[in-house]
Amino acid sequence: MSRKKVSGLAPWEEPGSLAGRVGKGGALALIVLAVLLPLYTIVLTSLSSAETVNRVGGLVLVPDGITLDAYRQIFSDSVVSRAVLVSTGVTVVGTAVSLAVSVLGAYALSRPGSLFHRPILFCVLLMFVFFPGLIPTYLMVASLGLKDTYWSLILPSAVSAFNIVVLRAFFMNIPHELLDSARIDGAGEFRILWRIVLPLSKAVTAVIGLFYAVGYWNAWFNATLFIDDTRKWPLALILRQYVVDSNPLPTATVGVSGFGHVAPPTLAIKMAIVAIAVLPALLIYPFVQRHFTKGVIIGAIKG
């Protein structure tokens, strides 16, 4: 206790040497540089003119000027703007569906007296070991008539066994006396979940929601399998086709206008698409950051 007051360190911490602190600072600086430099070059290249990109012959580090031509060209075309809307809708609806299913499932499995509690919990744990496989998943989606619909981008990945287990472990740690007192006052299970359990679980629920949202926003493989209509492509698949594989974007032959047949791909446009794809995560993270450390640590320990 006295050591903590004198040195400002926790009882288990030891004062670092000058060389150690310099080494830690240098390592942190390198990590920050490795994270920020790619973002810096992506944004700067997307804001540079085609002449500047051609003169540099690659990513721009020192701009000659700032222009929004790449973003104007992207959003004047319906391909990318429609993909942004599709990804936004799938992310919002998918995250809401996944959170609802995960919270309800985890709460039911955290109550020992729930109907079929043990068999369902066994099936959830079995999902850690066995994956149904690509072909059965495809046949299931096709047999349900979900192929070429937006639901095919949501339902196959709507539930994560890991997230259910983490939420269940957190719910089980809530004092039973608190829930029993609510039952004595006449509250039902849904009221207990909504008024007591969820307010006490903001941190872990926010983190699980962030995991789901990032997963839906970055998902492209399900769209490759289940979506034939290119007008329903999410932004991640546009990113994959246009930026990674350098394939032309869908053209007017599918009923929408595309810039793939108007002008050849430029690095500035590619980097603008990458910046648009990265932007939502950068905007959402500050609002969830205060829950992130607490939720991850608590979920990891209790999971």
Protein backbone atom coordinates (compact mmCIF):
# COMPACT_ATOMS: atom_id res chain seq x y z
CA MET A 1 0.00 0.00 0.00
CA SER A 2 2.77 2.37 1.00
CA ARG A 3 4.73 1.45 -2.12
CA LYS A 4 1.77 2.33 -4.31
CA LYS A 5 1.49 5.75 -2.64
CA VAL A 6 5.19 6.48 -3.02
CA SER A 7 5.90 5.24 -6.52
CA GLY A 8 2.47 5.34 -8.14
CA LEU A 9 2.88 1.69 -9.16
CA ALA A 10 0.68 -1.29 -8.44
CA PRO A 11 2.01 -3.65 -5.74
CA TRP A 12 3.00 -6.25 -8.34
CA GLU A 13 4.82 -3.75 -10.59
CA GLU A 14 8.53 -3.03 -10.51
CA PRO A 15 10.02 0.34 -11.45
CA GLY A 16 11.47 0.16 -14.95
CA SER A 17 14.96 1.19 -15.90
CA LEU A 18 15.66 3.99 -18.35
CA ALA A 19 16.67 1.52 -21.08
CA GLY A 20 13.48 -0.47 -20.52
CA ARG A 21 11.27 2.60 -20.77
CA VAL A 22 13.07 3.77 -23.92
CA GLY A 23 12.65 0.30 -25.42
CA LYS A 24 8.93 0.22 -24.60
CA GLY A 25 8.45 3.69 -26.03
CA GLY A 26 10.29 2.75 -29.22
CA ALA A 27 8.24 -0.44 -29.62
CA LEU A 28 4.97 1.46 -29.10
CA ALA A 29 6.07 4.13 -31.59
CA LEU A 30 6.80 1.45 -34.20
CA ILE A 31 3.39 -0.18 -33.61
CA VAL A 32 1.60 3.17 -33.95
CA LEU A 33 3.57 3.94 -37.11
CA ALA A 34 2.73 0.52 -38.58
CA VAL A 35 -0.97 1.21 -37.98
CA LEU A 36 -1.17 4.85 -39.03
CA LEU A 37 1.16 4.88 -42.05
CA PRO A 38 -1.03 2.60 -44.22
CA LEU A 39 -4.13 4.65 -43.32
CA TYR A 40 -2.24 7.87 -44.08
CA THR A 41 -1.10 6.68 -47.52
CA ILE A 42 -4.56 5.27 -48.38
CA VAL A 43 -6.38 8.50 -47.53
CA LEU A 44 -3.73 10.71 -49.15
CA THR A 45 -3.68 8.67 -52.36
CA SER A 46 -7.46 8.74 -52.57
CA LEU A 47 -7.36 12.54 -52.27
CA SER A 48 -4.69 12.97 -54.97
CA SER A 49 -5.24 13.63 -58.64
CA ALA A 50 -4.58 11.01 -61.32
CA GLU A 51 -1.59 13.04 -62.52
CA THR A 52 0.01 12.96 -59.07
CA VAL A 53 -0.56 9.22 -58.70
CA ASN A 54 0.87 8.57 -62.18
CA ARG A 55 3.88 10.78 -61.52
CA VAL A 56 4.65 9.05 -58.21
CA GLY A 57 3.95 5.66 -59.71
CA GLY A 58 2.27 4.28 -56.57
CA LEU A 59 1.02 5.38 -53.19
CA VAL A 60 1.33 9.09 -52.43
CA LEU A 61 3.21 10.19 -49.32
CA VAL A 62 3.56 13.92 -50.08
CA PRO A 63 0.58 15.36 -51.98
CA ASP A 64 0.75 18.15 -54.55
CA GLY A 65 -2.83 19.07 -53.76
CA ILE A 66 -6.11 17.73 -52.48
CA THR A 67 -8.94 16.75 -54.79
CA LEU A 68 -12.15 14.81 -54.29
CA ASP A 69 -12.33 13.58 -57.90
CA ALA A 70 -12.05 9.90 -56.92
CA TYR A 71 -14.90 10.18 -54.40
CA ARG A 72 -17.04 12.18 -56.88
CA GLN A 73 -16.50 9.50 -59.51
CA ILE A 74 -17.39 6.73 -57.06
CA PHE A 75 -20.56 8.30 -55.71
CA SER A 76 -21.69 9.54 -59.13
CA ASP A 77 -21.88 5.89 -60.13
CA SER A 78 -24.55 3.59 -58.76
CA VAL A 79 -22.33 0.53 -58.32
CA VAL A 80 -20.34 1.59 -55.26
CA SER A 81 -23.06 3.79 -53.75
CA ARG A 82 -25.53 0.89 -54.01
CA ALA A 83 -22.92 -1.46 -52.47
CA VAL A 84 -22.48 0.95 -49.55
CA LEU A 85 -26.26 0.92 -48.95
CA VAL A 86 -26.35 -2.88 -49.17
CA SER A 87 -23.49 -3.27 -46.70
CA THR A 88 -25.03 -0.72 -44.33
CA GLY A 89 -28.41 -2.45 -44.39
CA VAL A 90 -26.94 -5.94 -44.00
CA THR A 91 -24.71 -4.75 -41.14
CA VAL A 92 -27.53 -3.01 -39.24
CA VAL A 93 -30.13 -5.75 -39.71
CA GLY A 94 -27.62 -8.58 -39.31
CA THR A 95 -26.14 -7.15 -36.11
CA ALA A 96 -29.62 -6.66 -34.64
CA VAL A 97 -30.65 -10.22 -35.55
CA SER A 98 -27.40 -11.75 -34.27
CA LEU A 99 -27.50 -9.80 -31.00
CA ALA A 100 -31.15 -10.72 -30.40
CA VAL A 101 -30.55 -14.41 -31.07
CA SER A 102 -27.31 -14.51 -29.07
CA VAL A 103 -28.70 -12.65 -26.04
CA LEU A 104 -31.91 -14.69 -25.93
CA GLY A 105 -30.04 -17.96 -26.43
CA ALA A 106 -27.35 -17.13 -23.88
CA TYR A 107 -29.90 -16.03 -21.28
CA ALA A 108 -31.97 -19.18 -21.76
CA LEU A 109 -28.87 -21.37 -21.50
CA SER A 110 -27.74 -19.53 -18.37
CA ARG A 111 -30.93 -20.59 -16.54
CA PRO A 112 -30.43 -24.20 -15.32
CA GLY A 113 -34.14 -25.01 -15.38
CA SER A 114 -34.75 -24.01 -19.01
CA LEU A 115 -36.45 -26.51 -21.32
CA PHE A 116 -33.92 -28.73 -23.16
CA HIS A 117 -31.16 -26.73 -21.51
CA ARG A 118 -28.49 -29.43 -21.57
CA PRO A 119 -29.09 -30.83 -25.11
CA ILE A 120 -29.12 -27.36 -26.64
CA LEU A 121 -25.99 -26.36 -24.73
CA PHE A 122 -24.32 -29.55 -25.97
CA CYS A 123 -25.25 -28.66 -29.57
CA VAL A 124 -23.86 -25.14 -29.14
CA LEU A 125 -20.59 -26.50 -27.76
CA LEU A 126 -20.48 -29.03 -30.60
CA MET A 127 -20.34 -26.11 -33.05
CA PHE A 128 -16.85 -25.37 -31.72
CA VAL A 129 -15.63 -28.73 -32.99
CA PHE A 130 -17.63 -29.44 -36.14
CA PHE A 131 -18.40 -27.11 -39.04
CA PRO A 132 -21.28 -28.27 -41.25
CA GLY A 133 -19.24 -27.66 -44.38
CA LEU A 134 -19.57 -25.49 -47.44
CA ILE A 135 -21.75 -27.76 -49.59
CA PRO A 136 -24.37 -28.51 -46.88
CA THR A 137 -24.56 -24.79 -46.09
CA TYR A 138 -25.06 -23.94 -49.76
CA LEU A 139 -27.73 -26.63 -50.20
CA MET A 140 -29.54 -25.47 -47.07
CA VAL A 141 -29.62 -21.84 -48.23
CA ALA A 142 -30.78 -22.88 -51.71
CA SER A 143 -33.48 -25.24 -50.36
CA LEU A 144 -34.86 -22.47 -48.14
CA GLY A 145 -35.19 -20.18 -51.16
CA LEU A 146 -32.74 -17.67 -49.73
CA LYS A 147 -30.34 -17.70 -52.66
CA ASP A 148 -29.89 -14.28 -54.28
CA THR A 149 -31.59 -12.57 -51.34
CA TYR A 150 -30.13 -10.33 -48.68
CA TRP A 151 -31.08 -12.88 -46.01
CA SER A 152 -28.45 -15.22 -47.47
CA LEU A 153 -25.86 -12.68 -46.30
CA ILE A 154 -27.25 -12.66 -42.75
CA LEU A 155 -28.76 -15.97 -41.67
CA PRO A 156 -25.83 -18.36 -42.42
CA SER A 157 -23.61 -16.36 -40.04
CA ALA A 158 -26.27 -15.03 -37.68
CA VAL A 159 -25.18 -17.06 -34.64
CA SER A 160 -21.70 -17.48 -33.22
CA ALA A 161 -21.25 -20.26 -30.67
CA PHE A 162 -18.29 -18.44 -29.12
CA ASN A 163 -20.32 -15.27 -28.53
CA ILE A 164 -23.19 -17.25 -26.99
CA VAL A 165 -20.80 -19.00 -24.60
CA VAL A 166 -19.21 -15.70 -23.56
CA LEU A 167 -22.60 -14.05 -23.00
CA ARG A 168 -23.90 -17.09 -21.10
CA ALA A 169 -20.89 -17.08 -18.79
CA PHE A 170 -21.44 -13.38 -18.10
CA PHE A 171 -25.16 -13.82 -17.41
CA MET A 172 -24.47 -16.71 -15.03
CA ASN A 173 -22.27 -14.44 -12.92
CA ILE A 174 -25.14 -12.03 -12.20
CA PRO A 175 -26.29 -12.67 -8.61
CA HIS A 176 -29.24 -15.05 -8.50
CA GLU A 177 -30.63 -13.16 -5.51
CA LEU A 178 -31.16 -10.12 -7.72
CA LEU A 179 -33.12 -12.10 -10.30
CA ASP A 180 -35.09 -13.95 -7.60
CA SER A 181 -36.14 -10.66 -5.99
CA ALA A 182 -37.43 -9.46 -9.37
CA ARG A 183 -39.46 -12.68 -9.74
CA ILE A 184 -40.91 -12.21 -6.27
CA ASP A 185 -42.01 -8.72 -7.36
CA GLY A 186 -43.86 -10.32 -10.29
CA ALA A 187 -41.41 -9.71 -13.15
CA GLY A 188 -41.34 -12.23 -15.98
CA GLU A 189 -38.24 -13.55 -17.71
CA PHE A 190 -38.37 -11.03 -20.59
CA ARG A 191 -38.76 -8.11 -18.15
CA ILE A 192 -35.86 -9.43 -16.06
CA LEU A 193 -33.72 -9.75 -19.17
CA TRP A 194 -34.61 -6.28 -20.47
CA ARG A 195 -34.64 -4.32 -17.19
CA ILE A 196 -31.94 -6.07 -15.14
CA VAL A 197 -29.67 -8.38 -17.11
CA LEU A 198 -29.01 -6.23 -20.18
CA PRO A 199 -28.29 -2.98 -18.26
CA LEU A 200 -25.74 -4.92 -16.20
CA SER A 201 -24.19 -6.38 -19.35
CA LYS A 202 -23.61 -3.24 -21.43
CA ALA A 203 -19.87 -3.79 -21.79
CA VAL A 204 -19.91 -7.36 -23.04
CA THR A 205 -23.02 -6.75 -25.19
CA ALA A 206 -21.40 -3.72 -26.84
CA VAL A 207 -18.24 -5.70 -27.61
CA ILE A 208 -20.20 -8.67 -29.00
CA GLY A 209 -22.23 -6.24 -31.11
CA LEU A 210 -19.02 -4.68 -32.43
CA PHE A 211 -17.69 -8.13 -33.37
CA TYR A 212 -20.89 -8.92 -35.26
CA ALA A 213 -21.01 -5.53 -37.00
CA VAL A 214 -17.39 -5.70 -38.18
CA GLY A 215 -17.96 -9.28 -39.36
CA TYR A 216 -21.02 -8.34 -41.44
CA TRP A 217 -19.36 -5.22 -42.88
CA ASN A 218 -16.26 -7.13 -44.00
CA ALA A 219 -18.05 -10.31 -45.16
CA TRP A 220 -17.69 -11.05 -48.87
CA PHE A 221 -17.54 -14.85 -49.13
CA ASN A 222 -21.26 -15.45 -48.56
CA ALA A 223 -22.03 -12.92 -51.30
CA THR A 224 -19.72 -14.79 -53.67
CA LEU A 225 -21.62 -18.02 -53.00
CA PHE A 226 -25.22 -16.89 -52.76
CA ILE A 227 -25.60 -13.62 -54.71
CA ASP A 228 -25.79 -13.78 -58.52
CA ASP A 229 -27.34 -10.35 -59.05
CA THR A 230 -24.44 -7.91 -59.03
CA ARG A 231 -26.78 -5.12 -57.95
CA LYS A 232 -26.96 -6.86 -54.54
CA TRP A 233 -23.22 -7.07 -54.02
CA PRO A 234 -21.96 -5.66 -50.69
CA LEU A 235 -19.05 -3.26 -50.54
CA ALA A 236 -16.65 -5.96 -49.32
CA LEU A 237 -17.19 -7.95 -52.51
CA ILE A 238 -16.69 -4.81 -54.62
CA LEU A 239 -13.46 -4.28 -52.70
CA ARG A 240 -12.43 -7.86 -53.36
CA GLN A 241 -13.24 -7.84 -57.07
CA TYR A 242 -12.05 -4.36 -57.97
CA VAL A 243 -9.20 -3.56 -55.58
CA VAL A 244 -7.67 -6.95 -54.74
CA ASP A 245 -8.28 -8.86 -57.98
CA SER A 246 -8.28 -5.77 -60.27
CA ASN A 247 -11.38 -7.04 -62.09
CA PRO A 248 -13.70 -4.50 -63.76
CA LEU A 249 -16.82 -3.60 -61.89
CA PRO A 250 -20.30 -4.63 -63.11
CA THR A 251 -21.42 -2.55 -66.09
CA ALA A 252 -24.69 -1.41 -67.60
CA THR A 253 -25.36 -4.94 -68.85
CA VAL A 254 -26.78 -5.76 -65.42
CA GLY A 255 -29.01 -2.71 -65.38
CA VAL A 256 -26.81 -0.30 -63.52
CA SER A 257 -24.19 2.06 -64.75
CA GLY A 258 -20.62 1.22 -63.82
CA PHE A 259 -17.44 3.16 -64.23
CA GLY A 260 -15.56 0.01 -65.17
CA HIS A 261 -16.51 0.60 -68.82
CA VAL A 262 -16.03 4.39 -68.70
CA ALA A 263 -12.46 4.66 -67.50
CA PRO A 264 -9.73 2.22 -66.55
CA PRO A 265 -9.23 1.61 -62.81
CA THR A 266 -6.97 4.09 -61.12
CA LEU A 267 -5.11 3.72 -57.87
CA ALA A 268 -6.84 6.79 -56.44
CA ILE A 269 -10.28 5.24 -56.98
CA LYS A 270 -9.13 1.96 -55.47
CA MET A 271 -7.80 3.72 -52.39
CA ALA A 272 -11.02 5.74 -52.13
CA ILE A 273 -13.02 2.48 -52.02
CA VAL A 274 -10.65 1.14 -49.34
CA ALA A 275 -11.07 4.35 -47.31
CA ILE A 276 -14.87 4.09 -47.55
CA ALA A 277 -14.68 0.46 -46.40
CA VAL A 278 -12.48 1.32 -43.41
CA LEU A 279 -14.34 4.48 -42.34
CA PRO A 280 -17.32 2.88 -40.48
CA ALA A 281 -15.09 0.88 -38.14
CA LEU A 282 -13.08 4.02 -37.36
CA LEU A 283 -16.28 5.93 -36.61
CA ILE A 284 -17.90 3.22 -34.46
CA TYR A 285 -14.84 2.25 -32.41
CA PRO A 286 -14.60 5.48 -30.29
CA PHE A 287 -18.17 4.96 -29.06
CA VAL A 288 -17.50 1.32 -28.08
CA GLN A 289 -13.91 1.82 -26.93
CA ARG A 290 -14.87 2.58 -23.32
CA HIS A 291 -16.62 -0.79 -23.14
CA PHE A 292 -14.06 -2.67 -25.22
CA THR A 293 -11.32 -3.39 -22.70
CA LYS A 294 -13.76 -4.19 -19.90
CA GLY A 295 -15.96 -6.36 -22.10
CA VAL A 296 -13.13 -8.32 -23.70
CA ILE A 297 -11.33 -8.94 -20.41
CA ILE A 298 -14.47 -9.89 -18.50
CA GLY A 299 -15.74 -12.04 -21.37
CA ALA A 300 -12.40 -13.77 -21.81
CA ILE A 301 -12.01 -14.53 -18.11
CA LYS A 302 -15.55 -15.72 -17.58
CA GLY A 303 -15.75 -17.51 -20.93
